[in-house]
Amino acid sequence: FTIRINDRRILKAMAASCGFAEADYDAVFIAL
């Protein structure tokens, strides 16, 4: 089996570096 791992701070940094507004993060993550 596989343990998939990530970090919410990496998710936010990726979104921020691409110009997404913080208010849009949840919507972006739902799509992702």
Full PDB file with SEQRES, HELIX, SHEET, SSBOND, CRYST1, ORIGX, SCALE, CONECT and MASTER records, all heavy atoms in Angstrom:
SEQRES   1 A   32  PHE THR ILE ARG ILE ASN ASP ARG ARG ILE LEU LYS ALA          
SEQRES   2 A   32  MET ALA ALA SER CYS GLY PHE ALA GLU ALA ASP TYR ASP          
SEQRES   3 A   32  ALA VAL PHE ILE ALA LEU                                      
HELIX    1 AA1 ARG A    8  SER A   17  1                                  10    
HELIX    2 AA2 GLU A   22  ASP A   24  5                                   3    
HELIX    3 AA3 TYR A   25  ALA A   31  1                                   7    
CRYST1    1.000    1.000    1.000  90.00  90.00  90.00 P 1           1          
ORIGX1      1.000000  0.000000  0.000000        0.00000                         
ORIGX2      0.000000  1.000000  0.000000        0.00000                         
ORIGX3      0.000000  0.000000  1.000000        0.00000                         
SCALE1      1.000000  0.000000  0.000000        0.00000                         
SCALE2      0.000000  1.000000  0.000000        0.00000                         
SCALE3      0.000000  0.000000  1.000000        0.00000                         
ATOM      1  N   PHE A   1       0.841  -1.192   0.000  1.00  0.00           N  
ATOM      2  CA  PHE A   1       0.000   0.000   0.000  1.00  0.00           C  
ATOM      3  C   PHE A   1       0.879   1.247   0.000  1.00  0.00           C  
ATOM      4  O   PHE A   1       2.121   1.152   0.073  1.00  0.00           O  
ATOM      5  CB  PHE A   1      -0.982   0.000   1.172  1.00  0.00           C  
ATOM      6  CG  PHE A   1      -0.345  -0.147   2.531  1.00  0.00           C  
ATOM      7  CD1 PHE A   1       0.003   0.971   3.284  1.00  0.00           C  
ATOM      8  CD2 PHE A   1      -0.119  -1.402   3.076  1.00  0.00           C  
ATOM      9  CE1 PHE A   1       0.570   0.844   4.531  1.00  0.00           C  
ATOM     10  CE2 PHE A   1       0.458  -1.542   4.339  1.00  0.00           C  
ATOM     11  CZ  PHE A   1       0.807  -0.421   5.062  1.00  0.00           C  
ATOM     12  N   THR A   2       0.262   2.404  -0.097  1.00  0.00           N  
ATOM     13  CA  THR A   2       0.997   3.662  -0.229  1.00  0.00           C  
ATOM     14  C   THR A   2       0.506   4.668   0.795  1.00  0.00           C  
ATOM     15  O   THR A   2      -0.697   4.827   0.995  1.00  0.00           O  
ATOM     16  CB  THR A   2       0.811   4.258  -1.637  1.00  0.00           C  
ATOM     17  OG1 THR A   2       1.301   3.329  -2.610  1.00  0.00           O  
ATOM     18  CG2 THR A   2       1.580   5.568  -1.794  1.00  0.00           C  
ATOM     19  N   ILE A   3       1.440   5.344   1.443  1.00  0.00           N  
ATOM     20  CA  ILE A   3       1.113   6.496   2.270  1.00  0.00           C  
ATOM     21  C   ILE A   3       1.435   7.742   1.445  1.00  0.00           C  
ATOM     22  O   ILE A   3       2.598   8.048   1.187  1.00  0.00           O  
ATOM     23  CB  ILE A   3       1.913   6.522   3.587  1.00  0.00           C  
ATOM     24  CG1 ILE A   3       1.673   5.246   4.394  1.00  0.00           C  
ATOM     25  CG2 ILE A   3       1.558   7.772   4.396  1.00  0.00           C  
ATOM     26  CD1 ILE A   3       0.266   5.076   4.900  1.00  0.00           C  
ATOM     27  N   ARG A   4       0.399   8.411   0.980  1.00  0.00           N  
ATOM     28  CA  ARG A   4       0.569   9.673   0.253  1.00  0.00           C  
ATOM     29  C   ARG A   4       0.659  10.797   1.260  1.00  0.00           C  
ATOM     30  O   ARG A   4      -0.118  10.848   2.214  1.00  0.00           O  
ATOM     31  CB  ARG A   4      -0.611   9.898  -0.694  1.00  0.00           C  
ATOM     32  CG  ARG A   4      -0.741   8.837  -1.774  1.00  0.00           C  
ATOM     33  CD  ARG A   4      -2.132   8.821  -2.389  1.00  0.00           C  
ATOM     34  NE  ARG A   4      -2.475  10.103  -2.979  1.00  0.00           N  
ATOM     35  CZ  ARG A   4      -3.695  10.645  -2.906  1.00  0.00           C  
ATOM     36  NH1 ARG A   4      -4.667  10.040  -2.262  1.00  0.00           N  
ATOM     37  NH2 ARG A   4      -3.921  11.814  -3.487  1.00  0.00           N  
ATOM     38  N   ILE A   5       1.621  11.696   1.060  1.00  0.00           N  
ATOM     39  CA  ILE A   5       1.857  12.746   2.044  1.00  0.00           C  
ATOM     40  C   ILE A   5       2.075  14.087   1.364  1.00  0.00           C  
ATOM     41  O   ILE A   5       2.642  14.150   0.261  1.00  0.00           O  
ATOM     42  CB  ILE A   5       3.062  12.376   2.954  1.00  0.00           C  
ATOM     43  CG1 ILE A   5       3.186  13.362   4.123  1.00  0.00           C  
ATOM     44  CG2 ILE A   5       4.357  12.287   2.164  1.00  0.00           C  
ATOM     45  CD1 ILE A   5       4.145  12.890   5.210  1.00  0.00           C  
ATOM     46  N   ASN A   6       1.601  15.135   1.994  1.00  0.00           N  
ATOM     47  CA  ASN A   6       1.763  16.499   1.507  1.00  0.00           C  
ATOM     48  C   ASN A   6       1.750  17.417   2.719  1.00  0.00           C  
ATOM     49  O   ASN A   6       1.721  16.953   3.870  1.00  0.00           O  
ATOM     50  CB  ASN A   6       0.626  16.851   0.524  1.00  0.00           C  
ATOM     51  CG  ASN A   6       0.918  18.098  -0.301  1.00  0.00           C  
ATOM     52  OD1 ASN A   6       2.050  18.598  -0.316  1.00  0.00           O  
ATOM     53  ND2 ASN A   6      -0.079  18.617  -0.972  1.00  0.00           N  
ATOM     54  N   ASP A   7       1.759  18.717   2.490  1.00  0.00           N  
ATOM     55  CA  ASP A   7       1.687  19.689   3.579  1.00  0.00           C  
ATOM     56  C   ASP A   7       0.801  20.839   3.133  1.00  0.00           C  
ATOM     57  O   ASP A   7       0.960  21.355   2.018  1.00  0.00           O  
ATOM     58  CB  ASP A   7       3.087  20.203   3.937  1.00  0.00           C  
ATOM     59  CG  ASP A   7       3.114  20.939   5.265  1.00  0.00           C  
ATOM     60  OD1 ASP A   7       2.434  21.987   5.385  1.00  0.00           O  
ATOM     61  OD2 ASP A   7       3.833  20.493   6.187  1.00  0.00           O  
ATOM     62  N   ARG A   8      -0.139  21.230   3.972  1.00  0.00           N  
ATOM     63  CA  ARG A   8      -1.050  22.314   3.608  1.00  0.00           C  
ATOM     64  C   ARG A   8      -0.292  23.609   3.325  1.00  0.00           C  
ATOM     65  O   ARG A   8      -0.726  24.427   2.515  1.00  0.00           O  
ATOM     66  CB  ARG A   8      -2.058  22.557   4.737  1.00  0.00           C  
ATOM     67  CG  ARG A   8      -3.044  21.436   4.967  1.00  0.00           C  
ATOM     68  CD  ARG A   8      -4.146  21.380   3.940  1.00  0.00           C  
ATOM     69  NE  ARG A   8      -5.087  22.476   4.053  1.00  0.00           N  
ATOM     70  CZ  ARG A   8      -6.273  22.495   3.452  1.00  0.00           C  
ATOM     71  NH1 ARG A   8      -6.658  21.452   2.725  1.00  0.00           N  
ATOM     72  NH2 ARG A   8      -7.077  23.522   3.573  1.00  0.00           N  
ATOM     73  N   ARG A   9       0.851  23.790   3.972  1.00  0.00           N  
ATOM     74  CA  ARG A   9       1.632  25.000   3.732  1.00  0.00           C  
ATOM     75  C   ARG A   9       2.272  24.989   2.350  1.00  0.00           C  
ATOM     76  O   ARG A   9       2.442  26.042   1.730  1.00  0.00           O  
ATOM     77  CB  ARG A   9       2.680  25.165   4.835  1.00  0.00           C  
ATOM     78  CG  ARG A   9       2.068  25.460   6.200  1.00  0.00           C  
ATOM     79  CD  ARG A   9       3.048  25.253   7.330  1.00  0.00           C  
ATOM     80  NE  ARG A   9       3.411  23.845   7.475  1.00  0.00           N  
ATOM     81  CZ  ARG A   9       4.181  23.364   8.452  1.00  0.00           C  
ATOM     82  NH1 ARG A   9       4.639  24.187   9.385  1.00  0.00           N  
ATOM     83  NH2 ARG A   9       4.476  22.089   8.525  1.00  0.00           N  
ATOM     84  N   ILE A  10       2.588  23.800   1.839  1.00  0.00           N  
ATOM     85  CA  ILE A  10       3.073  23.689   0.468  1.00  0.00           C  
ATOM     86  C   ILE A  10       1.948  23.999  -0.512  1.00  0.00           C  
ATOM     87  O   ILE A  10       2.140  24.705  -1.504  1.00  0.00           O  
ATOM     88  CB  ILE A  10       3.666  22.297   0.215  1.00  0.00           C  
ATOM     89  CG1 ILE A  10       4.963  22.124   1.001  1.00  0.00           C  
ATOM     90  CG2 ILE A  10       3.918  22.068  -1.284  1.00  0.00           C  
ATOM     91  CD1 ILE A  10       5.597  20.753   0.876  1.00  0.00           C  
ATOM     92  N   LEU A  11       0.758  23.485  -0.225  1.00  0.00           N  
ATOM     93  CA  LEU A  11      -0.397  23.790  -1.068  1.00  0.00           C  
ATOM     94  C   LEU A  11      -0.623  25.301  -1.174  1.00  0.00           C  
ATOM     95  O   LEU A  11      -0.830  25.846  -2.265  1.00  0.00           O  
ATOM     96  CB  LEU A  11      -1.655  23.136  -0.487  1.00  0.00           C  
ATOM     97  CG  LEU A  11      -1.888  21.652  -0.771  1.00  0.00           C  
ATOM     98  CD1 LEU A  11      -3.044  21.139   0.080  1.00  0.00           C  
ATOM     99  CD2 LEU A  11      -2.171  21.403  -2.236  1.00  0.00           C  
ATOM    100  N   LYS A  12      -0.577  25.983  -0.035  1.00  0.00           N  
ATOM    101  CA  LYS A  12      -0.816  27.426  -0.026  1.00  0.00           C  
ATOM    102  C   LYS A  12       0.298  28.176  -0.735  1.00  0.00           C  
ATOM    103  O   LYS A  12       0.051  29.154  -1.450  1.00  0.00           O  
ATOM    104  CB  LYS A  12      -0.969  27.909   1.420  1.00  0.00           C  
ATOM    105  CG  LYS A  12      -2.228  27.414   2.094  1.00  0.00           C  
ATOM    106  CD  LYS A  12      -2.322  27.882   3.545  1.00  0.00           C  
ATOM    107  CE  LYS A  12      -3.602  27.381   4.207  1.00  0.00           C  
ATOM    108  NZ  LYS A  12      -3.696  27.802   5.624  1.00  0.00           N  
ATOM    109  N   ALA A  13       1.553  27.743  -0.540  1.00  0.00           N  
ATOM    110  CA  ALA A  13       2.682  28.405  -1.189  1.00  0.00           C  
ATOM    111  C   ALA A  13       2.606  28.257  -2.701  1.00  0.00           C  
ATOM    112  O   ALA A  13       2.918  29.205  -3.453  1.00  0.00           O  
ATOM    113  CB  ALA A  13       3.995  27.833  -0.659  1.00  0.00           C  
ATOM    114  N   MET A  14       2.186  27.091  -3.179  1.00  0.00           N  
ATOM    115  CA  MET A  14       2.046  26.867  -4.616  1.00  0.00           C  
ATOM    116  C   MET A  14       0.981  27.797  -5.203  1.00  0.00           C  
ATOM    117  O   MET A  14       1.171  28.395  -6.257  1.00  0.00           O  
ATOM    118  CB  MET A  14       1.695  25.398  -4.895  1.00  0.00           C  
ATOM    119  CG  MET A  14       2.818  24.433  -4.551  1.00  0.00           C  
ATOM    120  SD  MET A  14       2.322  22.692  -4.648  1.00  0.00           S  
ATOM    121  CE  MET A  14       2.305  22.435  -6.414  1.00  0.00           C  
ATOM    122  N   ALA A  15      -0.143  27.933  -4.492  1.00  0.00           N  
ATOM    123  CA  ALA A  15      -1.207  28.813  -4.963  1.00  0.00           C  
ATOM    124  C   ALA A  15      -0.772  30.272  -4.940  1.00  0.00           C  
ATOM    125  O   ALA A  15      -1.016  31.031  -5.892  1.00  0.00           O  
ATOM    126  CB  ALA A  15      -2.461  28.611  -4.108  1.00  0.00           C  
ATOM    127  N   ALA A  16      -0.094  30.665  -3.873  1.00  0.00           N  
ATOM    128  CA  ALA A  16       0.350  32.059  -3.749  1.00  0.00           C  
ATOM    129  C   ALA A  16       1.366  32.416  -4.822  1.00  0.00           C  
ATOM    130  O   ALA A  16       1.332  33.517  -5.397  1.00  0.00           O  
ATOM    131  CB  ALA A  16       0.941  32.288  -2.361  1.00  0.00           C  
ATOM    132  N   SER A  17       2.280  31.501  -5.121  1.00  0.00           N  
ATOM    133  CA  SER A  17       3.335  31.785  -6.098  1.00  0.00           C  
ATOM    134  C   SER A  17       2.781  31.965  -7.509  1.00  0.00           C  
ATOM    135  O   SER A  17       3.457  32.539  -8.371  1.00  0.00           O  
ATOM    136  CB  SER A  17       4.370  30.652  -6.093  1.00  0.00           C  
ATOM    137  OG  SER A  17       3.838  29.471  -6.664  1.00  0.00           O  
ATOM    138  N   CYS A  18       1.562  31.487  -7.724  1.00  0.00           N  
ATOM    139  CA  CYS A  18       0.944  31.596  -9.052  1.00  0.00           C  
ATOM    140  C   CYS A  18      -0.064  32.743  -9.127  1.00  0.00           C  
ATOM    141  O   CYS A  18      -0.742  32.906 -10.151  1.00  0.00           O  
ATOM    142  CB  CYS A  18       0.281  30.278  -9.436  1.00  0.00           C  
ATOM    143  SG  CYS A  18       1.450  28.904  -9.557  1.00  0.00           S  
ATOM    144  N   GLY A  19      -0.163  33.520  -8.055  1.00  0.00           N  
ATOM    145  CA  GLY A  19      -0.989  34.715  -8.094  1.00  0.00           C  
ATOM    146  C   GLY A  19      -2.416  34.552  -7.645  1.00  0.00           C  
ATOM    147  O   GLY A  19      -3.211  35.488  -7.770  1.00  0.00           O  
ATOM    148  N   PHE A  20      -2.786  33.392  -7.096  1.00  0.00           N  
ATOM    149  CA  PHE A  20      -4.152  33.233  -6.596  1.00  0.00           C  
ATOM    150  C   PHE A  20      -4.311  34.015  -5.285  1.00  0.00           C  
ATOM    151  O   PHE A  20      -3.408  34.029  -4.440  1.00  0.00           O  
ATOM    152  CB  PHE A  20      -4.478  31.765  -6.342  1.00  0.00           C  
ATOM    153  CG  PHE A  20      -4.568  30.937  -7.589  1.00  0.00           C  
ATOM    154  CD1 PHE A  20      -3.566  30.044  -7.928  1.00  0.00           C  
ATOM    155  CD2 PHE A  20      -5.660  31.060  -8.440  1.00  0.00           C  
ATOM    156  CE1 PHE A  20      -3.644  29.281  -9.080  1.00  0.00           C  
ATOM    157  CE2 PHE A  20      -5.755  30.290  -9.593  1.00  0.00           C  
ATOM    158  CZ  PHE A  20      -4.738  29.402  -9.923  1.00  0.00           C  
ATOM    159  N   ALA A  21      -5.457  34.644  -5.120  1.00  0.00           N  
ATOM    160  CA  ALA A  21      -5.749  35.359  -3.886  1.00  0.00           C  
ATOM    161  C   ALA A  21      -6.016  34.365  -2.760  1.00  0.00           C  
ATOM    162  O   ALA A  21      -6.565  33.286  -2.993  1.00  0.00           O  
ATOM    163  CB  ALA A  21      -6.961  36.269  -4.079  1.00  0.00           C  
ATOM    164  N   GLU A  22      -5.645  34.729  -1.531  1.00  0.00           N  
ATOM    165  CA  GLU A  22      -5.830  33.822  -0.401  1.00  0.00           C  
ATOM    166  C   GLU A  22      -7.294  33.440  -0.217  1.00  0.00           C  
ATOM    167  O   GLU A  22      -7.610  32.315   0.171  1.00  0.00           O  
ATOM    168  CB  GLU A  22      -5.287  34.472   0.875  1.00  0.00           C  
ATOM    169  CG  GLU A  22      -5.274  33.535   2.067  1.00  0.00           C  
ATOM    170  CD  GLU A  22      -4.553  34.106   3.274  1.00  0.00           C  
ATOM    171  OE1 GLU A  22      -3.946  35.186   3.151  1.00  0.00           O  
ATOM    172  OE2 GLU A  22      -4.600  33.463   4.342  1.00  0.00           O  
ATOM    173  N   ALA A  23      -8.187  34.372  -0.533  1.00  0.00           N  
ATOM    174  CA  ALA A  23      -9.621  34.089  -0.402  1.00  0.00           C  
ATOM    175  C   ALA A  23     -10.084  33.001  -1.364  1.00  0.00           C  
ATOM    176  O   ALA A  23     -11.139  32.395  -1.163  1.00  0.00           O  
ATOM    177  CB  ALA A  23     -10.424  35.369  -0.645  1.00  0.00           C  
ATOM    178  N   ASP A  24      -9.292  32.733  -2.421  1.00  0.00           N  
ATOM    179  CA  ASP A  24      -9.667  31.739  -3.426  1.00  0.00           C  
ATOM    180  C   ASP A  24      -9.020  30.376  -3.181  1.00  0.00           C  
ATOM    181  O   ASP A  24      -9.269  29.430  -3.937  1.00  0.00           O  
ATOM    182  CB  ASP A  24      -9.262  32.227  -4.825  1.00  0.00           C  
ATOM    183  CG  ASP A  24     -10.047  33.448  -5.255  1.00  0.00           C  
ATOM    184  OD1 ASP A  24     -11.189  33.598  -4.800  1.00  0.00           O  
ATOM    185  OD2 ASP A  24      -9.517  34.254  -6.047  1.00  0.00           O  
ATOM    186  N   TYR A  25      -8.177  30.281  -2.158  1.00  0.00           N  
ATOM    187  CA  TYR A  25      -7.426  29.036  -1.951  1.00  0.00           C  
ATOM    188  C   TYR A  25      -8.342  27.820  -1.839  1.00  0.00           C  
ATOM    189  O   TYR A  25      -8.114  26.790  -2.494  1.00  0.00           O  
ATOM    190  CB  TYR A  25      -6.565  29.121  -0.691  1.00  0.00           C  
ATOM    191  CG  TYR A  25      -5.335  29.991  -0.805  1.00  0.00           C  
ATOM    192  CD1 TYR A  25      -4.513  30.222   0.303  1.00  0.00           C  
ATOM    193  CD2 TYR A  25      -4.977  30.599  -2.009  1.00  0.00           C  
ATOM    194  CE1 TYR A  25      -3.384  31.011   0.222  1.00  0.00           C  
ATOM    195  CE2 TYR A  25      -3.854  31.396  -2.109  1.00  0.00           C  
ATOM    196  CZ  TYR A  25      -3.061  31.608  -0.981  1.00  0.00           C  
ATOM    197  OH  TYR A  25      -1.945  32.393  -1.057  1.00  0.00           O  
ATOM    198  N   ASP A  26      -9.375  27.912  -1.005  1.00  0.00           N  
ATOM    199  CA  ASP A  26     -10.243  26.746  -0.784  1.00  0.00           C  
ATOM    200  C   ASP A  26     -10.879  26.282  -2.088  1.00  0.00           C  
ATOM    201  O   ASP A  26     -10.952  25.065  -2.359  1.00  0.00           O  
ATOM    202  CB  ASP A  26     -11.322  27.066   0.245  1.00  0.00           C  
ATOM    203  CG  ASP A  26     -10.786  27.050   1.675  1.00  0.00           C  
ATOM    204  OD1 ASP A  26      -9.657  26.553   1.873  1.00  0.00           O  
ATOM    205  OD2 ASP A  26     -11.485  27.547   2.578  1.00  0.00           O  
ATOM    206  N   ALA A  27     -11.337  27.229  -2.922  1.00  0.00           N  
ATOM    207  CA  ALA A  27     -11.957  26.865  -4.204  1.00  0.00           C  
ATOM    208  C   ALA A  27     -10.933  26.215  -5.129  1.00  0.00           C  
ATOM    209  O   ALA A  27     -11.244  25.254  -5.848  1.00  0.00           O  
ATOM    210  CB  ALA A  27     -12.562  28.100  -4.860  1.00  0.00           C  
ATOM    211  N   VAL A  28      -9.711  26.743  -5.123  1.00  0.00           N  
ATOM    212  CA  VAL A  28      -8.638  26.165  -5.943  1.00  0.00           C  
ATOM    213  C   VAL A  28      -8.329  24.744  -5.481  1.00  0.00           C  
ATOM    214  O   VAL A  28      -8.185  23.816  -6.289  1.00  0.00           O  
ATOM    215  CB  VAL A  28      -7.367  27.042  -5.876  1.00  0.00           C  
ATOM    216  CG1 VAL A  28      -6.185  26.338  -6.544  1.00  0.00           C  
ATOM    217  CG2 VAL A  28      -7.611  28.394  -6.539  1.00  0.00           C  
ATOM    218  N   PHE A  29      -8.271  24.550  -4.165  1.00  0.00           N  
ATOM    219  CA  PHE A  29      -7.935  23.232  -3.627  1.00  0.00           C  
ATOM    220  C   PHE A  29      -9.054  22.219  -3.886  1.00  0.00           C  
ATOM    221  O   PHE A  29      -8.794  21.033  -4.109  1.00  0.00           O  
ATOM    222  CB  PHE A  29      -7.662  23.315  -2.119  1.00  0.00           C  
ATOM    223  CG  PHE A  29      -6.471  24.180  -1.759  1.00  0.00           C  
ATOM    224  CD1 PHE A  29      -6.340  24.717  -0.496  1.00  0.00           C  
ATOM    225  CD2 PHE A  29      -5.494  24.463  -2.700  1.00  0.00           C  
ATOM    226  CE1 PHE A  29      -5.255  25.508  -0.165  1.00  0.00           C  
ATOM    227  CE2 PHE A  29      -4.397  25.266  -2.383  1.00  0.00           C  
ATOM    228  CZ  PHE A  29      -4.281  25.788  -1.106  1.00  0.00           C  
ATOM    229  N   ILE A  30     -10.297  22.681  -3.862  1.00  0.00           N  
ATOM    230  CA  ILE A  30     -11.427  21.791  -4.165  1.00  0.00           C  
ATOM    231  C   ILE A  30     -11.310  21.265  -5.594  1.00  0.00           C  
ATOM    232  O   ILE A  30     -11.532  20.079  -5.864  1.00  0.00           O  
ATOM    233  CB  ILE A  30     -12.766  22.527  -3.955  1.00  0.00           C  
ATOM    234  CG1 ILE A  30     -13.025  22.725  -2.450  1.00  0.00           C  
ATOM    235  CG2 ILE A  30     -13.921  21.747  -4.578  1.00  0.00           C  
ATOM    236  CD1 ILE A  30     -14.200  23.618  -2.142  1.00  0.00           C  
ATOM    237  N   ALA A  31     -10.935  22.147  -6.520  1.00  0.00           N  
ATOM    238  CA  ALA A  31     -10.740  21.716  -7.910  1.00  0.00           C  
ATOM    239  C   ALA A  31      -9.554  20.768  -8.021  1.00  0.00           C  
ATOM    240  O   ALA A  31      -9.616  19.734  -8.699  1.00  0.00           O  
ATOM    241  CB  ALA A  31     -10.540  22.933  -8.810  1.00  0.00           C  
ATOM    242  N   LEU A  32      -8.461  21.102  -7.327  1.00  0.00           N  
ATOM    243  CA  LEU A  32      -7.258  20.267  -7.371  1.00  0.00           C  
ATOM    244  C   LEU A  32      -7.538  18.875  -6.823  1.00  0.00           C  
ATOM    245  O   LEU A  32      -7.000  17.874  -7.327  1.00  0.00           O  
ATOM    246  CB  LEU A  32      -6.139  20.934  -6.565  1.00  0.00           C  
ATOM    247  CG  LEU A  32      -4.826  20.170  -6.460  1.00  0.00           C  
ATOM    248  CD1 LEU A  32      -4.166  20.040  -7.830  1.00  0.00           C  
ATOM    249  CD2 LEU A  32      -3.877  20.862  -5.473  1.00  0.00           C  
TER     250      LEU A  32                                                      
MASTER        0    0    0    3    0    0    0    6  249    1    0    3          
END                                                                             
